[in-house]
C-alpha atoms as a PDB file:
ATOM      1  CA  MET A   1     139.055 142.279 168.948  1.00  0.00           C
ATOM      2  CA  THR A   2     141.042 145.157 167.489  1.00  0.00           C
ATOM      3  CA  GLU A   3     143.043 145.353 170.951  1.00  0.00           C
ATOM      4  CA  LEU A   4     143.182 142.114 171.566  1.00  0.00           C
ATOM      5  CA  ASN A   5     144.679 141.747 167.772  1.00  0.00           C
ATOM      6  CA  GLU A   6     146.913 144.090 168.330  1.00  0.00           C
ATOM      7  CA  LYS A   7     148.353 142.770 171.186  1.00  0.00           C
ATOM      8  CA  GLU A   8     148.293 139.767 169.786  1.00  0.00           C
ATOM      9  CA  ARG A   9     150.789 141.370 167.021  1.00  0.00           C
ATOM     10  CA  GLN A  10     153.401 142.381 169.877  1.00  0.00           C
ATOM     11  CA  HIS A  11     153.788 139.499 171.460  1.00  0.00           C
ATOM     12  CA  ASP A  12     154.314 137.331 168.800  1.00  0.00           C
ATOM     13  CA  ASN A  13     157.550 135.546 169.742  1.00  0.00           C
ATOM     14  CA  GLY A  14     157.112 132.444 167.678  1.00  0.00           C
ATOM     15  CA  VAL A  15     154.996 130.732 170.247  1.00  0.00           C
ATOM     16  CA  GLU A  16     150.451 130.734 169.636  1.00  0.00           C
ATOM     17  CA  GLN A  17     148.730 132.277 172.255  1.00  0.00           C
ATOM     18  CA  VAL A  18     145.297 130.984 172.963  1.00  0.00           C
ATOM     19  CA  LEU A  19     142.691 134.355 173.431  1.00  0.00           C
ATOM     20  CA  ASP A  20     140.409 134.007 175.898  1.00  0.00           C
ATOM     21  CA  GLU A  21     137.358 135.133 174.296  1.00  0.00           C
ATOM     22  CA  ILE A  22     135.245 133.569 171.658  1.00  0.00           C
ATOM     23  CA  ILE A  23     136.198 133.924 167.827  1.00  0.00           C
ATOM     24  CA  ASP A  24     133.393 134.807 165.601  1.00  0.00           C
ATOM     25  CA  LEU A  25     134.278 132.668 162.299  1.00  0.00           C
ATOM     26  CA  GLU A  26     132.216 134.509 159.483  1.00  0.00           C
ATOM     27  CA  GLU A  27     134.102 137.967 160.777  1.00  0.00           C
ATOM     28  CA  TYR A  28     137.468 136.445 160.377  1.00  0.00           C
ATOM     29  CA  ALA A  29     136.204 135.245 157.134  1.00  0.00           C
ATOM     30  CA  LYS A  30     134.608 138.371 155.946  1.00  0.00           C
ATOM     31  CA  ARG A  31     138.415 139.613 156.754  1.00  0.00           C
ATOM     32  CA  GLY A  32     140.105 137.033 154.717  1.00  0.00           C
ATOM     33  CA  GLU A  33     142.687 136.207 158.137  1.00  0.00           C
ATOM     34  CA  GLN A  34     142.728 133.069 159.799  1.00  0.00           C
ATOM     35  CA  PRO A  35     140.977 132.814 163.393  1.00  0.00           C
ATOM     36  CA  PRO A  36     143.904 132.464 166.391  1.00  0.00           C
ATOM     37  CA  LEU A  37     144.137 129.535 168.904  1.00  0.00           C
ATOM     38  CA  SER A  38     140.755 129.983 171.330  1.00  0.00           C
ATOM     39  CA  LYS A  39     138.942 128.958 173.752  1.00  0.00           C
ATOM     40  CA  GLY A  40     135.592 128.775 171.703  1.00  0.00           C
ATOM     41  CA  TYR A  41     134.379 129.830 168.399  1.00  0.00           C
ATOM     42  CA  ARG A  42     130.858 130.820 167.231  1.00  0.00           C
ATOM     43  CA  ILE A  43     129.880 129.195 164.223  1.00  0.00           C
ATOM     44  CA  LYS A  44     126.284 129.293 162.214  1.00  0.00           C
ATOM     45  CA  VAL A  45     124.216 126.281 161.725  1.00  0.00           C
ATOM     46  CA  ASN A  46     121.445 126.876 159.720  1.00  0.00           C
ATOM     47  CA  GLY A  47     121.568 130.792 160.209  1.00  0.00           C
ATOM     48  CA  ASP A  48     121.969 130.141 163.891  1.00  0.00           C
ATOM     49  CA  PRO A  49     124.730 131.318 166.551  1.00  0.00           C
ATOM     50  CA  PHE A  50     126.644 128.143 168.497  1.00  0.00           C
ATOM     51  CA  VAL A  51     129.857 128.096 170.471  1.00  0.00           C
ATOM     52  CA  VAL A  52     132.115 124.950 170.075  1.00  0.00           C
ATOM     53  CA  ASN A  53     134.991 124.849 172.432  1.00  0.00           C
ATOM     54  CA  LYS A  54     137.279 122.847 170.577  1.00  0.00           C
ATOM     55  CA  PRO A  55     139.185 123.950 167.203  1.00  0.00           C
ATOM     56  CA  GLN A  56     138.646 120.714 165.270  1.00  0.00           C
ATOM     57  CA  PRO A  57     134.820 119.354 165.698  1.00  0.00           C
ATOM     58  CA  THR A  58     133.426 116.270 163.431  1.00  0.00           C
ATOM     59  CA  GLY A  59     130.413 116.199 161.679  1.00  0.00           C
ATOM     60  CA  ARG A  60     128.584 114.589 164.154  1.00  0.00           C
ATOM     61  CA  GLU A  61     129.396 117.002 166.984  1.00  0.00           C
ATOM     62  CA  ILE A  62     128.620 120.255 165.072  1.00  0.00           C
ATOM     63  CA  LEU A  63     125.180 118.704 164.797  1.00  0.00           C
ATOM     64  CA  THR A  64     124.677 117.832 167.784  1.00  0.00           C
ATOM     65  CA  LEU A  65     125.579 120.731 169.366  1.00  0.00           C
ATOM     66  CA  ALA A  66     122.802 122.271 166.243  1.00  0.00           C
ATOM     67  CA  GLY A  67     120.434 119.920 168.225  1.00  0.00           C
ATOM     68  CA  LEU A  68     120.011 118.094 164.977  1.00  0.00           C
ATOM     69  CA  LEU A  69     119.855 114.377 165.891  1.00  0.00           C
ATOM     70  CA  PRO A  70     119.851 111.919 165.059  1.00  0.00           C
ATOM     71  CA  ALA A  71     123.477 112.817 163.012  1.00  0.00           C
ATOM     72  CA  GLU A  72     122.698 110.276 160.758  1.00  0.00           C
ATOM     73  CA  GLU A  73     119.550 111.609 159.261  1.00  0.00           C
ATOM     74  CA  TYR A  74     121.563 114.858 158.404  1.00  0.00           C
ATOM     75  CA  THR A  75     123.850 116.095 155.925  1.00  0.00           C
ATOM     76  CA  LEU A  76     126.176 118.985 156.564  1.00  0.00           C
ATOM     77  CA  ARG A  77     127.933 121.016 154.906  1.00  0.00           C
ATOM     78  CA  VAL A  78     131.017 123.070 155.441  1.00  0.00           C
ATOM     79  CA  LYS A  79     130.934 126.834 153.289  1.00  0.00           C
ATOM     80  CA  VAL A  80     134.496 128.226 152.637  1.00  0.00           C
ATOM     81  CA  ALA A  81     134.787 132.059 151.235  1.00  0.00           C
ATOM     82  CA  GLY A  82     135.444 131.316 147.986  1.00  0.00           C
ATOM     83  CA  GLU A  83     134.570 127.963 147.466  1.00  0.00           C
ATOM     84  CA  LYS A  84     131.367 126.228 146.633  1.00  0.00           C
ATOM     85  CA  PRO A  85     129.918 124.402 150.034  1.00  0.00           C
ATOM     86  CA  ARG A  86     131.269 120.471 150.733  1.00  0.00           C
ATOM     87  CA  LYS A  87     129.923 117.913 152.499  1.00  0.00           C
ATOM     88  CA  VAL A  88     131.322 117.357 156.274  1.00  0.00           C
ATOM     89  CA  GLY A  89     130.979 113.130 157.086  1.00  0.00           C
ATOM     90  CA  LEU A  90     129.949 112.355 161.190  1.00  0.00           C
ATOM     91  CA  ASN A  91     133.807 111.447 161.750  1.00  0.00           C
ATOM     92  CA  GLU A  92     135.349 113.928 159.746  1.00  0.00           C
ATOM     93  CA  LYS A  93     136.497 116.676 161.135  1.00  0.00           C
ATOM     94  CA  VAL A  94     136.263 120.156 160.684  1.00  0.00           C
ATOM     95  CA  ASP A  95     139.234 122.331 161.032  1.00  0.00           C
ATOM     96  CA  LEU A  96     137.738 126.188 162.462  1.00  0.00           C
ATOM     97  CA  ARG A  97     140.802 127.500 162.169  1.00  0.00           C
ATOM     98  CA  GLU A  98     141.282 126.590 158.793  1.00  0.00           C
ATOM     99  CA  LYS A  99     141.247 130.457 156.686  1.00  0.00           C
ATOM    100  CA  GLY A 100     137.611 131.185 155.460  1.00  0.00           C
ATOM    101  CA  VAL A 101     135.120 129.067 157.387  1.00  0.00           C
ATOM    102  CA  GLU A 102     132.115 130.663 157.043  1.00  0.00           C
ATOM    103  CA  LYS A 103     128.990 128.849 158.329  1.00  0.00           C
ATOM    104  CA  PHE A 104     127.309 124.889 158.194  1.00  0.00           C
ATOM    105  CA  LYS A 105     123.967 123.944 156.388  1.00  0.00           C
ATOM    106  CA  ALA A 106     122.205 121.078 157.335  1.00  0.00           C
ATOM    107  CA  LEU A 107     119.350 118.991 155.534  1.00  0.00           C
ATOM    108  CA  PRO A 108     117.568 116.090 156.425  1.00  0.00           C
ATOM    109  CA  ARG A 109     119.384 113.168 154.207  1.00  0.00           C
ATOM    110  CA  ASP A 110     116.026 113.022 152.276  1.00  0.00           C
ATOM    111  CA  GLN A 111     116.182 116.519 150.719  1.00  0.00           C
ATOM    112  CA  THR A 112     119.504 115.599 149.931  1.00  0.00           C
ATOM    113  CA  GLU A 113     119.817 112.010 148.297  1.00  0.00           C
ATOM    114  CA  GLY A 114     117.474 111.277 145.684  1.00  0.00           C
END
């Protein structure tokens, strides 16, 4: 990844490049860097890795990708570095390019409500 980051810096002419690789969001969060535009983003849901092919998936899309169906029966939270986990609505988009997005946690609703 270091070589690509160097090339990316060298070609910075105001036009954002799309990296032809899978970006590991947890690694970027640990380094305190904002993830670049990429063809794929590796996220973790309940500790398991998944690849999302767009930078702004909805909560429902993340739950579906993780096989947590029906999505309405789960509560999804996103962990951003330095912040408390926050709830993500089913139709709410999560910007994976936001600096610090680390991972996701999904719980069955009956464990989180009441």
